[in-house]
Protein backbone atom coordinates (compact mmCIF):
# COMPACT_ATOMS: atom_id res chain seq x y z
CA MET A 1 100.64 107.01 90.22
CA CYS A 2 97.56 105.54 88.56
CA LYS A 3 97.45 105.48 84.78
CA PRO A 4 94.48 106.90 82.88
CA LYS A 5 91.56 104.52 82.65
CA PRO A 6 91.31 101.76 81.52
CA GLY A 7 94.92 101.40 82.70
CA PRO A 8 96.22 99.91 85.95
CA ARG A 9 95.71 101.55 89.34
CA CYS A 10 98.54 102.40 91.75
CA THR A 11 98.99 101.13 95.30
CA PRO A 12 98.83 104.35 97.42
CA HIS A 13 95.62 105.65 95.91
CA MET A 14 93.88 102.28 95.86
CA ARG A 15 94.92 101.71 99.47
CA ALA A 16 93.41 105.07 100.39
CA ARG A 17 90.20 104.20 98.55
CA LEU A 18 90.08 100.80 100.26
CA THR A 19 90.50 102.41 103.67
CA LYS A 20 87.66 104.83 102.96
CA ALA A 21 85.45 102.02 101.65
CA ALA A 22 86.11 100.00 104.81
CA ALA A 23 85.30 103.02 106.98
CA ARG A 24 82.01 103.62 105.13
CA THR A 25 81.10 99.96 105.58
CA GLU A 26 81.82 100.11 109.30
CA VAL A 27 79.74 103.27 109.73
CA ALA A 28 76.83 101.71 107.82
CA ARG A 29 77.09 98.53 109.90
CA THR A 30 77.08 100.50 113.17
CA ARG A 31 74.06 102.57 112.15
CA LEU A 32 72.15 99.48 111.13
CA ALA A 33 72.96 97.84 114.46
CA ASP A 34 71.39 100.81 116.22
CA ASN A 35 68.29 100.64 113.97
CA PRO A 36 68.08 97.02 112.72
CA THR A 37 64.61 97.37 111.15
CA HIS A 38 65.42 100.48 109.10
CA PRO A 39 65.23 99.43 105.40
CA ARG A 40 67.27 102.34 104.05
CA LEU A 41 70.14 101.61 106.44
CA GLN A 42 70.15 98.00 105.25
CA GLN A 43 70.38 99.22 101.66
CA ARG A 44 73.25 101.51 102.57
CA LEU A 45 75.15 98.66 104.22
CA THR A 46 74.60 96.42 101.20
CA ALA A 47 75.87 99.15 98.87
CA ALA A 48 78.86 99.88 101.11
CA GLU A 49 79.82 96.20 101.28
CA ALA A 50 79.55 95.88 97.50
CA ASP A 51 81.75 98.95 97.02
CA HIS A 52 84.30 97.60 99.49
CA ALA A 53 84.41 94.24 97.70
CA GLN A 54 84.91 95.93 94.31
CA THR A 55 87.62 98.21 95.69
CA LEU A 56 89.40 95.23 97.26
CA VAL A 57 89.54 93.52 93.86
CA LEU A 58 91.16 96.63 92.37
CA TYR A 59 93.58 96.92 95.29
CA ASP A 60 94.61 93.26 94.95
CA ALA A 61 95.68 94.04 91.36
CA THR A 62 98.14 96.77 92.44
CA PRO A 63 101.82 95.93 93.04
CA GLY A 64 101.36 96.44 96.77
CA GLY A 65 98.21 94.33 96.87
CA GLN A 66 99.88 91.45 95.06
CA SER A 67 102.90 91.68 97.33
CA GLU A 68 100.65 91.43 100.39
CA LEU A 69 98.85 88.42 98.94
CA ARG A 70 102.15 86.62 98.27
CA ALA A 71 103.32 87.35 101.81
CA ALA A 72 100.05 86.02 103.23
CA ILE A 73 100.27 82.86 101.13
CA ALA A 74 103.83 82.24 102.33
CA THR A 75 102.88 82.54 106.00
CA THR A 76 99.47 80.79 105.99
CA ALA A 77 99.40 77.20 107.27
CA ASP A 78 95.72 76.50 106.64
CA PRO A 79 95.30 74.83 103.19
CA THR A 80 91.83 76.27 102.63
CA THR A 81 92.93 79.79 103.37
CA ARG A 82 96.06 79.41 101.25
CA HIS A 83 93.96 78.16 98.33
CA ALA A 84 91.61 81.13 98.61
CA LEU A 85 94.53 83.57 98.73
CA THR A 86 96.15 81.87 95.74
CA GLU A 87 92.92 82.26 93.78
CA ARG A 88 92.79 85.95 94.69
CA LEU A 89 96.39 86.42 93.54
CA ARG A 90 95.68 84.64 90.27
CA ASP A 91 92.65 86.87 89.64
CA ALA A 92 94.67 89.96 90.62
CA GLU A 93 97.48 89.14 88.18
CA LYS A 94 94.95 88.51 85.43
CA LEU A 95 93.19 91.83 86.09
CA ARG A 96 96.50 93.71 86.11
CA ALA A 97 97.44 92.20 82.76
CA GLU A 98 94.03 93.09 81.32
CA GLN A 99 94.32 96.69 82.54
CA THR A 100 97.80 97.05 81.08
CA ASP A 101 96.72 95.57 77.76
CA ALA A 102 93.63 97.79 77.63
CA LEU A 103 95.74 100.89 78.18
CA ARG A 104 98.21 99.78 75.50
CA ARG A 105 95.43 99.22 72.98
CA THR A 106 93.76 102.53 73.86
CA ARG A 107 96.99 104.45 73.40
CA ALA A 108 97.77 102.62 70.17
CA GLY A 109 94.41 103.67 68.80
CA GLN A 110 94.91 107.27 69.88
CA THR A 111 98.38 107.37 68.36
CA HIS A 112 96.98 106.08 65.10
CA GLN A 113 94.30 108.77 65.07
CA GLU A 114 96.61 111.61 66.03
CA GLY A 115 99.32 110.73 63.53
CA THR A 116 103.01 111.34 63.98
CA GLY A 117 102.90 115.05 64.73
CA ASP A 118 103.59 114.72 68.45
CA ALA A 119 106.36 112.20 68.00
CA GLN A 120 108.08 114.40 65.45
CA ARG A 121 108.28 117.24 67.92
CA GLY A 122 110.85 115.27 69.89
CA THR A 123 112.26 116.03 73.33
CA ASP A 124 115.50 117.42 74.63
CA ASP A 125 118.08 115.51 76.63
CA THR A 126 116.21 114.38 79.75
CA GLY A 127 119.39 114.55 81.75
CA THR A 128 119.27 118.35 81.92
CA GLN A 129 117.09 120.29 84.30
CA ARG A 130 116.01 122.73 81.61
CA SER A 131 114.57 120.00 79.37
CA ILE A 132 112.76 118.36 82.27
CA LEU A 133 111.20 121.65 83.27
CA GLU A 134 110.03 122.24 79.74
CA ASN A 135 108.44 118.82 79.49
CA LEU A 136 106.77 119.22 82.88
CA ARG A 137 105.66 122.75 81.89
CA VAL A 138 107.15 124.56 84.87
CA GLU A 139 109.58 127.43 84.91
CA PRO A 140 113.26 127.19 85.93
CA GLY A 141 113.84 130.91 86.53
CA PRO A 142 112.96 134.51 85.75
CA THR A 143 113.66 134.33 82.02
CA GLY A 144 111.14 133.98 79.23
CA SER A 145 108.43 136.13 77.67
CA ARG A 146 104.72 136.72 77.97
CA ALA A 147 102.14 135.62 75.47
CA ASP A 148 101.97 137.65 72.26
CA ARG A 149 98.30 138.38 72.86
CA ASP A 150 96.08 138.73 75.88
CA ARG A 151 93.58 135.92 76.24
CA ASP A 152 91.96 137.21 79.45
CA PRO A 153 88.16 137.73 79.36
CA LEU A 154 87.02 141.09 78.03
CA ASP A 155 85.84 142.18 81.47
CA ARG A 156 89.13 142.02 83.36
CA SER A 157 87.78 143.89 86.37
CA GLU A 158 85.60 141.03 87.58
CA ASP A 159 85.95 140.26 91.26
CA ARG A 160 85.64 136.85 92.83
CA GLY A 161 82.00 135.87 93.04
CA SER A 162 80.90 138.13 90.21
CA ARG A 163 79.24 136.81 87.09
CA SER A 164 81.81 134.90 85.07
CA PRO A 165 82.30 135.17 81.32
CA ARG A 166 81.38 132.39 78.95
CA LEU A 167 84.44 130.46 77.83
CA LEU A 168 85.09 128.24 74.82
CA ILE A 169 87.14 125.20 75.88
CA SER A 170 87.65 122.15 73.71
CA GLY A 171 84.86 123.35 71.43
CA GLN A 172 82.40 123.57 74.32
CA GLN A 173 80.87 126.78 75.60
CA ILE A 174 80.81 126.87 79.40
CA ARG A 175 80.10 129.38 82.14
CA PRO A 176 82.36 129.06 85.19
CA VAL A 177 80.84 129.41 88.63
CA ALA A 178 83.41 132.07 89.58
CA THR A 179 86.43 133.96 88.30
CA HIS A 180 89.41 134.49 90.59
CA ASN A 181 91.82 137.40 90.16
CA LEU A 182 95.10 138.11 91.89
CA SER A 183 95.67 141.61 93.23
CA ALA A 184 97.26 144.22 91.00
CA SER A 185 100.42 144.28 93.11
CA VAL A 186 100.81 140.50 92.96
CA CYS A 187 100.29 140.50 89.20
CA ALA A 188 102.86 143.27 88.83
CA GLY A 189 105.36 141.20 90.78
CA PHE A 190 104.87 138.24 88.44
CA GLU A 191 105.05 140.47 85.38
CA ALA A 192 108.35 141.90 86.61
CA ARG A 193 109.67 138.34 86.55
CA ARG A 194 108.20 137.81 83.08
CA LEU A 195 105.67 135.31 84.38
CA SER A 196 102.03 135.13 83.34
CA ALA A 197 99.43 135.82 86.02
CA PRO A 198 96.04 135.18 84.40
CA PRO A 199 92.68 134.98 86.18
CA LEU A 200 91.54 131.43 86.88
CA HIS A 201 88.00 130.30 86.23
CA GLU A 202 86.32 127.81 88.56
CA LEU A 203 84.45 125.08 86.71
CA SER A 204 81.02 123.81 87.58
CA PRO A 205 80.85 120.15 88.72
CA THR A 206 79.01 119.46 85.45
CA ASP A 207 82.15 120.43 83.50
CA VAL A 208 84.68 118.17 85.22
CA GLY A 209 84.99 116.09 82.06
CA ILE A 210 86.63 119.04 80.31
CA TYR A 211 89.29 119.27 83.02
CA ARG A 212 89.98 115.54 83.03
CA ASP A 213 90.18 115.40 79.22
CA GLN A 214 92.84 118.14 79.23
CA MET A 215 94.89 116.16 81.76
CA LEU A 216 94.56 112.93 79.80
CA GLU A 217 95.62 114.68 76.59
CA LEU A 218 98.74 116.02 78.31
CA ALA A 219 99.48 112.61 79.84
CA ARG A 220 99.41 110.99 76.40
CA LYS A 221 101.98 113.44 75.02
CA ASN A 222 104.29 113.97 77.99
CA PRO A 223 107.21 111.60 78.63
CA TYR A 224 106.88 112.40 82.32
CA ALA A 225 103.21 111.40 82.44
CA ALA A 226 103.89 108.55 84.85
CA SER A 227 104.24 111.12 87.64
CA VAL A 228 100.83 112.64 86.93
CA TYR A 229 97.78 111.24 88.71
CA VAL A 230 94.48 111.64 86.92
CA TYR A 231 91.43 111.21 89.14
CA ASP A 232 88.10 109.76 88.08
CA GLU A 233 85.33 112.19 87.18
CA HIS A 234 83.30 111.45 90.31
CA GLU A 235 86.37 112.36 92.38
CA TYR A 236 86.89 115.62 90.48
CA ARG A 237 83.28 116.56 91.21
CA GLN A 238 84.26 116.82 94.87
CA MET A 239 87.08 119.29 94.09
CA ARG A 240 87.43 122.91 93.04
CA LEU A 241 88.77 122.95 89.48
CA LEU A 242 90.48 126.12 88.24
CA VAL A 243 91.51 126.72 84.62
CA THR A 244 92.82 129.48 82.40
CA ASP A 245 90.44 131.01 79.87
CA ASP A 246 91.58 128.59 77.15
CA GLY A 247 91.43 125.55 79.42
CA LYS A 248 95.03 124.66 78.61
CA ALA A 249 96.32 125.07 82.16
CA GLY A 250 94.72 124.39 85.50
CA VAL A 251 95.00 123.22 89.07
CA ALA A 252 92.63 121.54 91.52
CA LEU A 253 91.91 121.87 95.22
CA LYS A 254 90.97 118.71 97.10
CA GLY A 255 90.07 120.27 100.42
CA ASP A 256 93.33 121.93 101.49
CA GLU A 257 95.44 119.73 99.20
CA ILE A 258 96.70 121.02 95.84
CA VAL A 259 96.48 118.33 93.14
CA SER A 260 96.32 117.73 89.39
CA ALA A 261 98.21 120.82 88.22
CA PHE A 262 98.82 120.83 84.46
CA ALA A 263 99.77 123.12 81.59
CA HIS A 264 99.98 122.46 77.87
CA LYS A 265 102.83 123.85 75.82
CA ASP A 266 100.36 125.76 73.63
CA CYS A 267 98.63 127.44 76.58
CA ALA A 268 97.95 131.10 75.87
CA HIS A 269 99.47 131.99 79.25
CA PRO A 270 103.00 130.55 79.34
CA ARG A 271 104.91 130.31 82.60
CA ALA A 272 101.78 130.65 84.74
CA ALA A 273 102.50 127.85 87.24
CA ARG A 274 103.61 130.18 90.04
CA ALA A 275 100.54 132.36 89.63
CA MET A 276 98.26 129.31 89.66
CA LEU A 277 99.84 128.23 92.95
CA ARG A 278 99.27 131.72 94.36
CA HIS A 279 95.60 131.36 93.43
CA THR A 280 95.35 128.04 95.26
CA THR A 281 96.92 129.33 98.47
CA ALA A 282 94.56 132.30 98.39
CA LEU A 283 91.69 129.82 98.16
CA GLY A 284 92.87 127.63 101.04
CA GLY A 285 95.47 125.31 99.53
CA ARG A 286 97.91 124.37 102.29
CA ARG A 287 99.71 121.17 101.31
CA LEU A 288 100.86 118.98 98.44
CA ASP A 289 103.24 116.14 97.69
CA CYS A 290 105.41 115.41 94.70
CA PHE A 291 108.41 113.42 93.54
CA ASP A 292 111.78 114.97 94.34
CA THR A 293 112.52 116.04 90.78
CA VAL A 294 112.35 119.70 89.76
CA LEU A 295 108.92 120.36 91.24
CA PRO A 296 109.98 121.05 94.85
CA ASP A 297 111.99 124.03 93.55
CA LEU A 298 108.84 125.45 91.98
CA TYR A 299 106.74 124.84 95.06
CA ALA A 300 109.35 126.31 97.38
CA ASP A 301 109.20 129.55 95.40
CA ALA A 302 105.45 129.56 96.03
CA GLY A 303 105.99 129.29 99.79
CA PHE A 304 105.87 125.54 100.37
CA VAL A 305 108.37 123.99 102.76
CA PRO A 306 109.32 120.30 102.94
CA VAL A 307 107.99 118.70 106.13
CA ALA A 308 108.55 115.01 105.38
CA ARG A 309 109.80 112.63 102.73
CA LEU A 310 109.28 108.98 101.85
CA ARG A 311 111.96 106.83 100.27
CA TRP A 312 111.35 105.35 96.86
CA ASN A 313 110.02 101.79 96.83
CA ASP A 314 110.07 99.81 93.58
CA ASP A 315 106.95 97.94 94.69
CA TYR A 316 105.01 101.20 94.60
CA ALA A 317 106.42 102.58 91.36
CA PRO A 318 103.74 104.38 89.31
CA ASP A 319 102.48 102.37 86.38
CA GLY A 320 104.50 103.12 83.28
CA TRP A 321 107.38 104.61 85.26
CA ASP A 322 110.55 104.80 83.16
CA TYR A 323 113.65 104.81 85.36
CA ASP A 324 115.80 106.07 82.52
CA THR A 325 113.53 109.06 81.84
CA PHE A 326 113.98 110.17 85.45
CA ARG A 327 117.60 109.04 85.73
CA ALA A 328 118.78 112.51 86.79
CA PHE A 329 116.90 112.08 90.07
CA ASN A 330 118.45 109.43 92.28
CA HIS A 331 118.88 107.14 89.28
CA GLY A 332 115.17 107.25 88.52
CA ARG A 333 114.10 106.58 92.11
CA PRO A 334 113.25 109.98 93.66
CA ASP A 335 111.78 110.37 97.12
CA VAL A 336 108.24 111.60 97.63
CA VAL A 337 108.37 115.04 99.25
CA PHE A 338 105.49 116.27 101.43
CA MET A 339 105.25 120.06 101.56
CA ALA A 340 103.15 122.56 103.53
CA TYR A 341 102.43 126.22 102.88
CA ASP A 342 104.16 128.91 104.90
CA PRO A 343 103.44 132.49 103.76
CA GLU A 344 106.70 133.65 105.34
CA HIS A 345 108.62 131.45 102.87
CA VAL A 346 107.15 132.77 99.62
CA GLY A 347 110.11 133.20 97.29
CA GLY A 348 112.07 130.57 99.21
CA LYS A 349 114.60 128.06 97.93
CA TYR A 350 114.36 124.30 98.17
CA ALA A 351 117.27 122.47 99.78
CA ARG A 352 117.38 118.99 98.33
CA GLY A 353 117.14 116.25 100.91
CA THR A 354 115.35 118.33 103.56
CA GLY A 355 112.36 116.92 105.39
CA GLU A 356 112.40 114.10 107.93
CA TYR A 357 111.95 110.60 106.53
CA VAL A 358 108.71 108.79 107.37
CA ASP A 359 107.91 105.12 107.00
CA ASP A 360 104.48 105.41 105.42
CA TYR A 361 102.73 107.64 102.88
CA ASP A 362 99.93 108.38 105.32
CA ASP A 363 102.49 109.57 107.89
CA GLY A 364 103.74 112.13 105.39
CA ILE A 365 100.20 113.40 104.81
CA VAL A 366 99.67 113.78 108.56
CA ARG A 367 102.93 115.76 108.91
CA ALA A 368 101.79 118.17 106.20
CA GLN A 369 98.34 118.52 107.73
CA LYS A 370 99.74 119.29 111.17
CA TYR A 371 102.32 121.82 110.01
CA ARG A 372 101.82 125.30 111.38
CA PRO A 373 103.91 128.32 110.32
CA ARG A 374 106.05 129.68 113.12
């Protein structure tokens, strides 16, 4: 997955962005062809072409982009074309190195400012499932305890769409656009399992920076951060962002896809991941994908079933991926599992290895999109 800016970008997401940029360019070109004297359409085509060119530069710098350039250089007979491709590869390698160095310097500066507190906390043996779950902030089973104090808003009876309370997150006072509550019976079920089931507050598009900052903070402190994708702010503005009242846990909806789930260890609502997933399915979340680590077990409990999987490819390894950290999962090379929601499977169990293999990431997305509960 992509690293936080200014770090390097990853192949799958940049490829998706490049495909979208190419599609926008083609649409703009077609519309201009139908109305060649329209000045605004010409401006749109110019902007689309500029965006496509910039996205292509970023894609070239990814591992997959560089691999494609090398393959093209090896098979191109024309000297002029080969020279141009070689120049692109040189620029791509330079950009990748600059991105990596920028991320290193940024993190070094943050570490210096934060001191040694986080490092002194230490981590457990990453070879055990329990320690991995704790670092990923998900729950392995029905044990644990609730928070010592209730951090829900004072008006707990608010229904979805009612006026939301003001919240204080990261020192900023905000007013969510809506507050979402689970039913009393659902909450009781989670409480019986000693799981938190707090209301989630939907952020305004003007507050996406708060959400992204919380994710970046977690990524800096979590040894498993390489598996977490942090979107740009303009991308988060197109999503529905849901957070707990302290902002320390949240999840996003990108259409019907569930993305960017996070939870800090000091969240006032521990063990709330299952409840957050229940919120997302109630709001239309129907699919997700993840590495085949401990997360499919969590998602299976929430009613998600594996519909496809993609084999690990070193060329597409997320930036900063540490094979030793994830050694318990196929020697640090877990599959990507594509899962779809089936309400009849809430409380289900994940069988490792299930899901038909696909050859391409996009194929896995299509399988999840087309899944229909029986």
